[in-house]
């Protein structure tokens, strides 16, 4: 069953973080899945891989 890949439907998400940030951050988004067949009804995820881009440079967390 698709879960994390559903976040790509409305993505990519853009955010700005300061340099050398040590605190964690949380991304909370409501997804419109009305057009997605057999979608999940609810859930939560942890340890999602995030790709940070700055121009041509990219880093995966």
C-alpha atoms as a PDB file:
ATOM      1  CA  UNK A   1       0.000   0.000   0.000  1.00  0.00           C
ATOM      2  CA  UNK A   2       1.365   3.403  -0.955  1.00  0.00           C
ATOM      3  CA  UNK A   3       2.184   5.729   1.932  1.00  0.00           C
ATOM      4  CA  UNK A   4       5.338   7.825   1.695  1.00  0.00           C
ATOM      5  CA  UNK A   5       5.184   8.078  -2.095  1.00  0.00           C
ATOM      6  CA  UNK A   6       1.845   9.893  -1.754  1.00  0.00           C
ATOM      7  CA  UNK A   7       3.769  12.907  -0.413  1.00  0.00           C
ATOM      8  CA  UNK A   8       5.188  13.375  -3.922  1.00  0.00           C
ATOM      9  CA  UNK A   9       1.742  14.106  -5.370  1.00  0.00           C
ATOM     10  CA  UNK A  10       1.739  17.737  -4.221  1.00  0.00           C
ATOM     11  CA  UNK A  11       5.540  18.074  -3.953  1.00  0.00           C
ATOM     12  CA  UNK A  12       8.190  19.153  -4.108  1.00  0.00           C
ATOM     13  CA  UNK A  13       7.806  21.142  -0.907  1.00  0.00           C
ATOM     14  CA  UNK A  14       9.941  24.226  -0.468  1.00  0.00           C
ATOM     15  CA  UNK A  15      11.241  25.448   2.868  1.00  0.00           C
ATOM     16  CA  UNK A  16      14.121  27.520   4.157  1.00  0.00           C
ATOM     17  CA  UNK A  17      16.317  26.469   7.065  1.00  0.00           C
ATOM     18  CA  UNK A  18      19.181  28.397   8.566  1.00  0.00           C
ATOM     19  CA  UNK A  19      22.772  27.204   8.236  1.00  0.00           C
ATOM     20  CA  UNK A  20      24.064  24.739  10.858  1.00  0.00           C
ATOM     21  CA  UNK A  21      20.606  24.101  12.292  1.00  0.00           C
ATOM     22  CA  UNK A  22      20.753  21.579  15.122  1.00  0.00           C
ATOM     23  CA  UNK A  23      17.093  21.450  16.140  1.00  0.00           C
ATOM     24  CA  UNK A  24      14.767  19.027  14.414  1.00  0.00           C
ATOM     25  CA  UNK A  25      11.848  20.248  12.329  1.00  0.00           C
ATOM     26  CA  UNK A  26       8.482  18.756  11.491  1.00  0.00           C
ATOM     27  CA  UNK A  27       6.613  18.921   8.192  1.00  0.00           C
ATOM     28  CA  UNK A  28       2.858  18.526   8.462  1.00  0.00           C
ATOM     29  CA  UNK A  29       0.736  18.517   5.310  1.00  0.00           C
ATOM     30  CA  UNK A  30      -2.807  17.470   4.483  1.00  0.00           C
ATOM     31  CA  UNK A  31      -2.943  15.495   1.244  1.00  0.00           C
ATOM     32  CA  UNK A  32      -5.945  15.511  -1.098  1.00  0.00           C
ATOM     33  CA  UNK A  33      -6.278  11.839  -2.032  1.00  0.00           C
ATOM     34  CA  UNK A  34      -9.792  12.031  -3.445  1.00  0.00           C
ATOM     35  CA  UNK A  35      -8.480  11.231  -6.951  1.00  0.00           C
ATOM     36  CA  UNK A  36      -6.137   8.423  -5.802  1.00  0.00           C
ATOM     37  CA  UNK A  37      -7.642   4.924  -6.014  1.00  0.00           C
ATOM     38  CA  UNK A  38      -7.213   2.596  -3.006  1.00  0.00           C
ATOM     39  CA  UNK A  39      -5.481   5.216  -0.879  1.00  0.00           C
ATOM     40  CA  UNK A  40      -4.749   4.907   2.827  1.00  0.00           C
ATOM     41  CA  UNK A  41      -7.188   6.403   5.344  1.00  0.00           C
ATOM     42  CA  UNK A  42      -4.576   7.617   7.821  1.00  0.00           C
ATOM     43  CA  UNK A  43      -1.173   6.985   9.260  1.00  0.00           C
ATOM     44  CA  UNK A  44       2.187   8.434  10.183  1.00  0.00           C
ATOM     45  CA  UNK A  45       5.730   7.980   8.956  1.00  0.00           C
ATOM     46  CA  UNK A  46       9.170   8.438  10.425  1.00  0.00           C
ATOM     47  CA  UNK A  47      12.676   8.399   9.069  1.00  0.00           C
ATOM     48  CA  UNK A  48      11.714   9.729   5.641  1.00  0.00           C
ATOM     49  CA  UNK A  49      14.633  10.539   3.337  1.00  0.00           C
ATOM     50  CA  UNK A  50      14.734  14.232   2.475  1.00  0.00           C
ATOM     51  CA  UNK A  51      16.651  15.711  -0.439  1.00  0.00           C
ATOM     52  CA  UNK A  52      17.959  19.242   0.109  1.00  0.00           C
ATOM     53  CA  UNK A  53      18.868  21.236  -2.973  1.00  0.00           C
ATOM     54  CA  UNK A  54      20.708  24.507  -3.309  1.00  0.00           C
ATOM     55  CA  UNK A  55      21.036  25.304  -6.988  1.00  0.00           C
ATOM     56  CA  UNK A  56      23.092  22.471  -8.499  1.00  0.00           C
ATOM     57  CA  UNK A  57      24.126  21.016  -5.116  1.00  0.00           C
ATOM     58  CA  UNK A  58      21.966  18.333  -3.461  1.00  0.00           C
ATOM     59  CA  UNK A  59      22.187  16.350  -0.225  1.00  0.00           C
ATOM     60  CA  UNK A  60      20.007  13.463   0.971  1.00  0.00           C
ATOM     61  CA  UNK A  61      19.286  13.219   4.696  1.00  0.00           C
END
